[in-house]
Amino acid sequence: MRLLKLAGVLSSLVAALHVFIIFRGGPAYRYFGAGERMARLAEQGSIRPALVTACLVLIFAAWAAYAFSGSGMLPRAPFLRTGLILIGLVYVIRGVLLGPQLLWWFEGFRSAVPARQLVFSLAALATGVVYLEGTRLAWARLEPHHENES
């Protein structure tokens, strides 16, 4: 249960970070890797970057709610086990970029892979592992109560 609480906190922090990005605008979009196009659109006053990022905020908040549900802090979410596994896998898949990024970084392509991107990948990988291990440890307690749920 502690790991799933931690997973919920981590996803909440990611959601909060994305809220910060919306309010900080172009420089934050650049720094966190959203791309020059998103940064320029934000600087030009376009609502598109904020809408895209707000959708990400909602997704990360939902992921936090699933983790908190798995920890027993919130009511049971539908398809809880499946959801926690899928969320963990998305984070791990994002985090697996760390391998190629480290290769590029150590081969001298540091301008293409800033150190902060290594940190972001490591954070995603660690968060995914927390979700998956927390789910594994709580597996029996997360037993579905409905026949149709997986």
N, C-alpha and C. Protein backbone atom coordinates (compact mmCIF):
# COMPACT_ATOMS: atom_id res chain seq x y z
N MET A 1 0.82 -1.20 0.00
CA MET A 1 0.00 0.00 0.00
C MET A 1 0.86 1.26 0.00
N ARG A 2 2.01 1.20 0.66
CA ARG A 2 2.88 2.38 0.68
C ARG A 2 3.38 2.73 -0.70
N LEU A 3 3.73 1.72 -1.49
CA LEU A 3 4.21 2.01 -2.84
C LEU A 3 3.12 2.62 -3.71
N LEU A 4 1.89 2.15 -3.56
CA LEU A 4 0.81 2.74 -4.35
C LEU A 4 0.50 4.16 -3.88
N LYS A 5 0.64 4.44 -2.61
CA LYS A 5 0.51 5.83 -2.13
C LYS A 5 1.60 6.69 -2.75
N LEU A 6 2.84 6.16 -2.76
CA LEU A 6 3.95 6.88 -3.37
C LEU A 6 3.68 7.10 -4.86
N ALA A 7 3.16 6.09 -5.53
CA ALA A 7 2.84 6.22 -6.96
C ALA A 7 1.82 7.35 -7.16
N GLY A 8 0.83 7.41 -6.29
CA GLY A 8 -0.16 8.49 -6.37
C GLY A 8 0.45 9.85 -6.17
N VAL A 9 1.36 9.95 -5.22
CA VAL A 9 2.05 11.23 -4.99
C VAL A 9 2.89 11.61 -6.21
N LEU A 10 3.60 10.63 -6.77
CA LEU A 10 4.44 10.91 -7.94
C LEU A 10 3.61 11.39 -9.13
N SER A 11 2.50 10.72 -9.40
CA SER A 11 1.64 11.17 -10.51
C SER A 11 1.02 12.53 -10.20
N SER A 12 0.71 12.79 -8.94
CA SER A 12 0.18 14.11 -8.56
C SER A 12 1.22 15.19 -8.82
N LEU A 13 2.48 14.89 -8.51
CA LEU A 13 3.55 15.84 -8.78
C LEU A 13 3.71 16.10 -10.27
N VAL A 14 3.59 15.05 -11.07
CA VAL A 14 3.69 15.22 -12.52
C VAL A 14 2.53 16.08 -13.02
N ALA A 15 1.33 15.86 -12.49
CA ALA A 15 0.18 16.68 -12.87
C ALA A 15 0.43 18.14 -12.48
N ALA A 16 0.93 18.37 -11.27
CA ALA A 16 1.21 19.73 -10.80
C ALA A 16 2.28 20.40 -11.67
N LEU A 17 3.28 19.63 -12.07
CA LEU A 17 4.33 20.16 -12.94
C LEU A 17 3.72 20.65 -14.25
N HIS A 18 2.78 19.90 -14.78
CA HIS A 18 2.15 20.30 -16.04
C HIS A 18 1.29 21.56 -15.86
N VAL A 19 0.69 21.73 -14.70
CA VAL A 19 -0.03 22.97 -14.42
C VAL A 19 0.96 24.13 -14.42
N PHE A 20 2.10 23.94 -13.77
CA PHE A 20 3.15 24.96 -13.77
C PHE A 20 3.56 25.31 -15.21
N ILE A 21 3.73 24.31 -16.04
CA ILE A 21 4.14 24.53 -17.43
C ILE A 21 3.13 25.42 -18.15
N ILE A 22 1.84 25.16 -17.93
CA ILE A 22 0.81 25.99 -18.57
C ILE A 22 0.99 27.45 -18.18
N PHE A 23 1.19 27.70 -16.89
CA PHE A 23 1.29 29.08 -16.42
C PHE A 23 2.63 29.74 -16.74
N ARG A 24 3.68 28.96 -16.83
CA ARG A 24 5.01 29.51 -17.13
C ARG A 24 5.15 29.79 -18.62
N GLY A 25 4.47 29.00 -19.45
CA GLY A 25 4.46 29.28 -20.88
C GLY A 25 5.65 28.76 -21.66
N GLY A 26 6.03 29.50 -22.69
CA GLY A 26 7.04 29.09 -23.65
C GLY A 26 8.33 28.55 -23.06
N PRO A 27 8.96 29.27 -22.12
CA PRO A 27 10.21 28.76 -21.57
C PRO A 27 10.05 27.38 -20.92
N ALA A 28 8.94 27.15 -20.26
CA ALA A 28 8.71 25.84 -19.62
C ALA A 28 8.46 24.76 -20.66
N TYR A 29 7.73 25.10 -21.72
CA TYR A 29 7.52 24.11 -22.79
C TYR A 29 8.87 23.71 -23.40
N ARG A 30 9.75 24.68 -23.60
CA ARG A 30 11.08 24.38 -24.12
C ARG A 30 11.88 23.51 -23.15
N TYR A 31 11.94 23.95 -21.91
CA TYR A 31 12.78 23.28 -20.91
C TYR A 31 12.36 21.82 -20.72
N PHE A 32 11.07 21.57 -20.67
CA PHE A 32 10.59 20.22 -20.39
C PHE A 32 10.40 19.38 -21.64
N GLY A 33 10.82 19.89 -22.79
CA GLY A 33 10.91 19.06 -23.98
C GLY A 33 9.65 18.97 -24.84
N ALA A 34 8.75 19.93 -24.70
CA ALA A 34 7.52 19.88 -25.51
C ALA A 34 7.78 20.31 -26.96
N GLY A 35 8.89 20.94 -27.19
CA GLY A 35 9.24 21.33 -28.55
C GLY A 35 9.08 22.82 -28.80
N GLU A 36 9.80 23.25 -29.79
CA GLU A 36 9.81 24.68 -30.13
C GLU A 36 8.45 25.16 -30.62
N ARG A 37 7.76 24.31 -31.35
CA ARG A 37 6.44 24.71 -31.88
C ARG A 37 5.47 25.01 -30.74
N MET A 38 5.42 24.12 -29.75
CA MET A 38 4.53 24.35 -28.60
C MET A 38 4.94 25.61 -27.85
N ALA A 39 6.24 25.82 -27.69
CA ALA A 39 6.73 27.00 -26.98
C ALA A 39 6.33 28.27 -27.71
N ARG A 40 6.51 28.28 -29.01
CA ARG A 40 6.16 29.47 -29.79
C ARG A 40 4.66 29.72 -29.78
N LEU A 41 3.88 28.67 -29.91
CA LEU A 41 2.42 28.84 -29.86
C LEU A 41 2.00 29.44 -28.52
N ALA A 42 2.60 28.95 -27.43
CA ALA A 42 2.28 29.50 -26.11
C ALA A 42 2.67 30.97 -26.03
N GLU A 43 3.83 31.31 -26.57
CA GLU A 43 4.29 32.70 -26.54
C GLU A 43 3.44 33.61 -27.42
N GLN A 44 2.83 33.05 -28.44
CA GLN A 44 1.96 33.83 -29.32
C GLN A 44 0.54 33.94 -28.78
N GLY A 45 0.30 33.33 -27.63
CA GLY A 45 -1.02 33.42 -27.01
C GLY A 45 -2.02 32.37 -27.47
N SER A 46 -1.55 31.38 -28.20
CA SER A 46 -2.45 30.31 -28.64
C SER A 46 -2.91 29.50 -27.43
N ILE A 47 -4.15 29.08 -27.47
CA ILE A 47 -4.72 28.27 -26.39
C ILE A 47 -4.35 26.79 -26.54
N ARG A 48 -3.89 26.40 -27.72
CA ARG A 48 -3.61 24.99 -28.02
C ARG A 48 -2.62 24.34 -27.03
N PRO A 49 -1.46 24.95 -26.76
CA PRO A 49 -0.56 24.30 -25.81
C PRO A 49 -1.19 24.10 -24.43
N ALA A 50 -1.92 25.09 -23.97
CA ALA A 50 -2.57 24.98 -22.66
C ALA A 50 -3.62 23.87 -22.67
N LEU A 51 -4.37 23.74 -23.75
CA LEU A 51 -5.39 22.68 -23.82
C LEU A 51 -4.76 21.30 -23.84
N VAL A 52 -3.72 21.14 -24.64
CA VAL A 52 -3.02 19.84 -24.70
C VAL A 52 -2.45 19.51 -23.33
N THR A 53 -1.82 20.48 -22.71
CA THR A 53 -1.19 20.25 -21.41
C THR A 53 -2.24 20.02 -20.34
N ALA A 54 -3.37 20.71 -20.42
CA ALA A 54 -4.46 20.48 -19.46
C ALA A 54 -4.99 19.05 -19.57
N CYS A 55 -5.05 18.52 -20.78
CA CYS A 55 -5.45 17.12 -20.95
C CYS A 55 -4.46 16.20 -20.26
N LEU A 56 -3.17 16.52 -20.36
CA LEU A 56 -2.16 15.72 -19.67
C LEU A 56 -2.33 15.83 -18.15
N VAL A 57 -2.66 17.01 -17.67
CA VAL A 57 -2.90 17.19 -16.23
C VAL A 57 -4.01 16.24 -15.79
N LEU A 58 -5.10 16.20 -16.56
CA LEU A 58 -6.23 15.32 -16.20
C LEU A 58 -5.83 13.85 -16.23
N ILE A 59 -5.02 13.47 -17.20
CA ILE A 59 -4.57 12.08 -17.30
C ILE A 59 -3.71 11.72 -16.08
N PHE A 60 -2.74 12.57 -15.76
CA PHE A 60 -1.88 12.27 -14.61
C PHE A 60 -2.65 12.30 -13.31
N ALA A 61 -3.64 13.18 -13.21
CA ALA A 61 -4.48 13.22 -12.01
C ALA A 61 -5.31 11.93 -11.90
N ALA A 62 -5.81 11.45 -13.02
CA ALA A 62 -6.55 10.18 -13.01
C ALA A 62 -5.64 9.03 -12.61
N TRP A 63 -4.41 9.05 -13.10
CA TRP A 63 -3.45 8.01 -12.73
C TRP A 63 -3.15 8.06 -11.23
N ALA A 64 -3.04 9.27 -10.70
CA ALA A 64 -2.83 9.41 -9.25
C ALA A 64 -4.04 8.84 -8.51
N ALA A 65 -5.23 9.13 -8.99
CA ALA A 65 -6.44 8.61 -8.34
C ALA A 65 -6.46 7.09 -8.36
N TYR A 66 -6.01 6.48 -9.45
CA TYR A 66 -5.95 5.02 -9.52
C TYR A 66 -4.98 4.47 -8.48
N ALA A 67 -3.83 5.12 -8.35
CA ALA A 67 -2.86 4.67 -7.35
C ALA A 67 -3.43 4.83 -5.94
N PHE A 68 -4.07 5.96 -5.68
CA PHE A 68 -4.66 6.18 -4.36
C PHE A 68 -5.82 5.21 -4.11
N SER A 69 -6.54 4.85 -5.17
CA SER A 69 -7.58 3.84 -5.04
C SER A 69 -6.97 2.49 -4.69
N GLY A 70 -5.89 2.14 -5.36
CA GLY A 70 -5.22 0.88 -5.07
C GLY A 70 -4.66 0.83 -3.66
N SER A 71 -4.29 1.99 -3.12
CA SER A 71 -3.74 2.03 -1.77
C SER A 71 -4.84 2.02 -0.72
N GLY A 72 -6.09 2.15 -1.15
CA GLY A 72 -7.21 2.17 -0.21
C GLY A 72 -7.59 3.56 0.26
N MET A 73 -6.92 4.58 -0.25
CA MET A 73 -7.21 5.96 0.16
C MET A 73 -8.46 6.52 -0.52
N LEU A 74 -8.80 5.98 -1.68
CA LEU A 74 -9.99 6.40 -2.43
C LEU A 74 -10.85 5.17 -2.70
N PRO A 75 -12.12 5.37 -3.01
CA PRO A 75 -12.96 4.21 -3.37
C PRO A 75 -12.38 3.46 -4.56
N ARG A 76 -12.76 2.21 -4.65
CA ARG A 76 -12.23 1.34 -5.70
C ARG A 76 -12.56 1.87 -7.09
N ALA A 77 -11.54 2.01 -7.90
CA ALA A 77 -11.70 2.45 -9.29
C ALA A 77 -12.05 1.24 -10.15
N PRO A 78 -12.75 1.47 -11.26
CA PRO A 78 -13.06 0.34 -12.15
C PRO A 78 -11.79 -0.21 -12.79
N PHE A 79 -11.78 -1.52 -12.98
CA PHE A 79 -10.65 -2.21 -13.63
C PHE A 79 -9.32 -1.81 -12.97
N LEU A 80 -9.30 -1.85 -11.65
CA LEU A 80 -8.19 -1.31 -10.88
C LEU A 80 -6.86 -1.97 -11.20
N ARG A 81 -6.81 -3.29 -11.14
CA ARG A 81 -5.54 -3.98 -11.41
C ARG A 81 -5.04 -3.69 -12.81
N THR A 82 -5.95 -3.83 -13.77
CA THR A 82 -5.59 -3.58 -15.17
C THR A 82 -5.10 -2.15 -15.34
N GLY A 83 -5.81 -1.21 -14.76
CA GLY A 83 -5.42 0.19 -14.86
C GLY A 83 -4.06 0.45 -14.27
N LEU A 84 -3.79 -0.09 -13.09
CA LEU A 84 -2.49 0.13 -12.44
C LEU A 84 -1.35 -0.47 -13.26
N ILE A 85 -1.59 -1.64 -13.82
CA ILE A 85 -0.56 -2.27 -14.65
C ILE A 85 -0.29 -1.43 -15.90
N LEU A 86 -1.36 -0.99 -16.56
CA LEU A 86 -1.19 -0.20 -17.78
C LEU A 86 -0.49 1.13 -17.49
N ILE A 87 -0.86 1.77 -16.40
CA ILE A 87 -0.21 3.03 -16.02
C ILE A 87 1.27 2.79 -15.76
N GLY A 88 1.57 1.75 -15.01
CA GLY A 88 2.97 1.41 -14.74
C GLY A 88 3.74 1.16 -16.01
N LEU A 89 3.12 0.44 -16.94
CA LEU A 89 3.80 0.14 -18.21
C LEU A 89 4.05 1.40 -19.04
N VAL A 90 3.10 2.34 -19.04
CA VAL A 90 3.31 3.58 -19.79
C VAL A 90 4.50 4.33 -19.22
N TYR A 91 4.57 4.44 -17.91
CA TYR A 91 5.73 5.10 -17.30
C TYR A 91 7.03 4.36 -17.62
N VAL A 92 7.01 3.03 -17.53
CA VAL A 92 8.23 2.26 -17.81
C VAL A 92 8.64 2.42 -19.27
N ILE A 93 7.69 2.37 -20.18
CA ILE A 93 8.01 2.53 -21.60
C ILE A 93 8.64 3.90 -21.84
N ARG A 94 8.08 4.94 -21.22
CA ARG A 94 8.69 6.27 -21.33
C ARG A 94 10.09 6.26 -20.72
N GLY A 95 10.25 5.58 -19.61
CA GLY A 95 11.53 5.55 -18.93
C GLY A 95 12.60 4.75 -19.64
N VAL A 96 12.19 3.81 -20.48
CA VAL A 96 13.15 2.98 -21.21
C VAL A 96 13.98 3.83 -22.18
N LEU A 97 13.50 5.01 -22.49
CA LEU A 97 14.30 5.93 -23.32
C LEU A 97 15.64 6.24 -22.67
N LEU A 98 15.73 6.02 -21.38
CA LEU A 98 16.97 6.30 -20.66
C LEU A 98 18.15 5.55 -21.28
N GLY A 99 17.94 4.32 -21.69
CA GLY A 99 19.03 3.53 -22.28
C GLY A 99 19.65 4.20 -23.49
N PRO A 100 18.87 4.44 -24.55
CA PRO A 100 19.45 5.12 -25.72
C PRO A 100 19.95 6.53 -25.40
N GLN A 101 19.24 7.23 -24.52
CA GLN A 101 19.68 8.58 -24.17
C GLN A 101 21.07 8.55 -23.52
N LEU A 102 21.29 7.59 -22.64
CA LEU A 102 22.60 7.47 -22.01
C LEU A 102 23.69 7.17 -23.03
N LEU A 103 23.38 6.32 -24.00
CA LEU A 103 24.36 6.02 -25.06
C LEU A 103 24.71 7.28 -25.84
N TRP A 104 23.68 8.02 -26.27
CA TRP A 104 23.93 9.25 -27.02
C TRP A 104 24.71 10.24 -26.17
N TRP A 105 24.34 10.35 -24.92
CA TRP A 105 24.97 11.32 -24.03
C TRP A 105 26.45 11.01 -23.85
N PHE A 106 26.76 9.72 -23.60
CA PHE A 106 28.15 9.33 -23.39
C PHE A 106 28.96 9.31 -24.69
N GLU A 107 28.26 9.25 -25.84
CA GLU A 107 28.97 9.29 -27.12
C GLU A 107 29.20 10.72 -27.59
N GLY A 108 28.88 11.68 -26.74
CA GLY A 108 29.18 13.07 -27.06
C GLY A 108 28.05 13.88 -27.64
N PHE A 109 26.85 13.33 -27.69
CA PHE A 109 25.71 14.07 -28.23
C PHE A 109 24.94 14.77 -27.11
N ARG A 110 25.69 15.44 -26.24
CA ARG A 110 25.08 16.05 -25.04
C ARG A 110 24.13 17.18 -25.41
N SER A 111 24.35 17.84 -26.52
CA SER A 111 23.45 18.92 -26.91
C SER A 111 22.10 18.34 -27.37
N ALA A 112 22.12 17.14 -27.89
CA ALA A 112 20.87 16.49 -28.33
C ALA A 112 20.12 15.88 -27.15
N VAL A 113 20.85 15.54 -26.10
CA VAL A 113 20.24 14.91 -24.93
C VAL A 113 20.74 15.64 -23.68
N PRO A 114 20.06 16.74 -23.32
CA PRO A 114 20.48 17.44 -22.11
C PRO A 114 20.33 16.53 -20.88
N ALA A 115 21.16 16.78 -19.89
CA ALA A 115 21.14 15.96 -18.67
C ALA A 115 19.76 15.91 -18.04
N ARG A 116 19.00 17.00 -18.14
CA ARG A 116 17.66 17.00 -17.53
C ARG A 116 16.76 15.94 -18.18
N GLN A 117 16.98 15.66 -19.47
CA GLN A 117 16.17 14.62 -20.13
C GLN A 117 16.50 13.24 -19.55
N LEU A 118 17.74 13.04 -19.16
CA LEU A 118 18.11 11.78 -18.49
C LEU A 118 17.36 11.67 -17.16
N VAL A 119 17.29 12.78 -16.45
CA VAL A 119 16.58 12.80 -15.16
C VAL A 119 15.10 12.52 -15.38
N PHE A 120 14.50 13.12 -16.41
CA PHE A 120 13.07 12.90 -16.68
C PHE A 120 12.81 11.42 -17.01
N SER A 121 13.69 10.83 -17.80
CA SER A 121 13.52 9.42 -18.15
C SER A 121 13.69 8.52 -16.93
N LEU A 122 14.68 8.82 -16.11
CA LEU A 122 14.89 8.06 -14.89
C LEU A 122 13.69 8.18 -13.95
N ALA A 123 13.14 9.37 -13.85
CA ALA A 123 11.96 9.58 -13.00
C ALA A 123 10.77 8.77 -13.53
N ALA A 124 10.59 8.76 -14.84
CA ALA A 124 9.49 7.99 -15.42
C ALA A 124 9.69 6.49 -15.16
N LEU A 125 10.90 6.02 -15.36
CA LEU A 125 11.20 4.61 -15.13
C LEU A 125 10.97 4.24 -13.67
N ALA A 126 11.45 5.06 -12.76
CA ALA A 126 11.26 4.79 -11.33
C ALA A 126 9.78 4.81 -10.95
N THR A 127 9.04 5.76 -11.49
CA THR A 127 7.60 5.83 -11.20
C THR A 127 6.89 4.59 -11.71
N GLY A 128 7.23 4.15 -12.90
CA GLY A 128 6.63 2.93 -13.44
C GLY A 128 6.92 1.72 -12.58
N VAL A 129 8.15 1.61 -12.12
CA VAL A 129 8.53 0.49 -11.25
C VAL A 129 7.74 0.56 -9.94
N VAL A 130 7.55 1.76 -9.41
CA VAL A 130 6.78 1.91 -8.17
C VAL A 130 5.34 1.45 -8.40
N TYR A 131 4.74 1.84 -9.51
CA TYR A 131 3.37 1.39 -9.83
C TYR A 131 3.31 -0.13 -9.94
N LEU A 132 4.22 -0.70 -10.71
CA LEU A 132 4.17 -2.14 -10.96
C LEU A 132 4.47 -2.95 -9.71
N GLU A 133 5.48 -2.55 -8.95
CA GLU A 133 5.81 -3.28 -7.72
C GLU A 133 4.71 -3.08 -6.66
N GLY A 134 4.18 -1.89 -6.57
CA GLY A 134 3.06 -1.65 -5.64
C GLY A 134 1.86 -2.50 -5.99
N THR A 135 1.59 -2.63 -7.27
CA THR A 135 0.47 -3.47 -7.73
C THR A 135 0.75 -4.93 -7.43
N ARG A 136 1.98 -5.36 -7.67
CA ARG A 136 2.35 -6.76 -7.38
C ARG A 136 2.16 -7.07 -5.90
N LEU A 137 2.63 -6.18 -5.06
CA LEU A 137 2.55 -6.43 -3.62
C LEU A 137 1.10 -6.40 -3.11
N ALA A 138 0.26 -5.63 -3.75
CA ALA A 138 -1.14 -5.51 -3.31
C ALA A 138 -2.08 -6.38 -4.13
N TRP A 139 -1.53 -7.23 -4.98
CA TRP A 139 -2.32 -7.98 -5.96
C TRP A 139 -3.54 -8.69 -5.35
N ALA A 140 -3.34 -9.45 -4.30
CA ALA A 140 -4.45 -10.20 -3.70
C ALA A 140 -5.51 -9.26 -3.16
N ARG A 141 -5.08 -8.16 -2.56
CA ARG A 141 -6.03 -7.20 -2.00
C ARG A 141 -6.78 -6.45 -3.09
N LEU A 142 -6.21 -6.40 -4.28
CA LEU A 142 -6.83 -5.70 -5.40
C LEU A 142 -7.75 -6.62 -6.20
N GLU A 143 -8.02 -7.79 -5.67
CA GLU A 143 -8.89 -8.77 -6.34
C GLU A 143 -10.20 -8.10 -6.75
N PRO A 144 -10.58 -8.28 -8.01
CA PRO A 144 -11.84 -7.67 -8.48
C PRO A 144 -13.04 -8.23 -7.70
N HIS A 145 -13.97 -7.34 -7.44
CA HIS A 145 -15.19 -7.75 -6.73
C HIS A 145 -16.33 -8.06 -7.70
N HIS A 146 -16.12 -7.73 -8.97
CA HIS A 146 -17.17 -7.97 -9.97
C HIS A 146 -16.66 -8.97 -11.00
N GLU A 147 -17.54 -9.84 -11.46
CA GLU A 147 -17.14 -10.89 -12.40
C GLU A 147 -16.65 -10.31 -13.72
N ASN A 148 -17.23 -9.19 -14.16
CA ASN A 148 -16.88 -8.63 -15.47
C ASN A 148 -15.58 -7.85 -15.44
N GLU A 149 -15.07 -7.55 -14.28
CA GLU A 149 -13.85 -6.77 -14.18
C GLU A 149 -12.64 -7.67 -14.32
N SER A 150 -11.60 -7.15 -14.98
CA SER A 150 -10.38 -7.96 -15.12
C SER A 150 -9.33 -7.50 -14.17
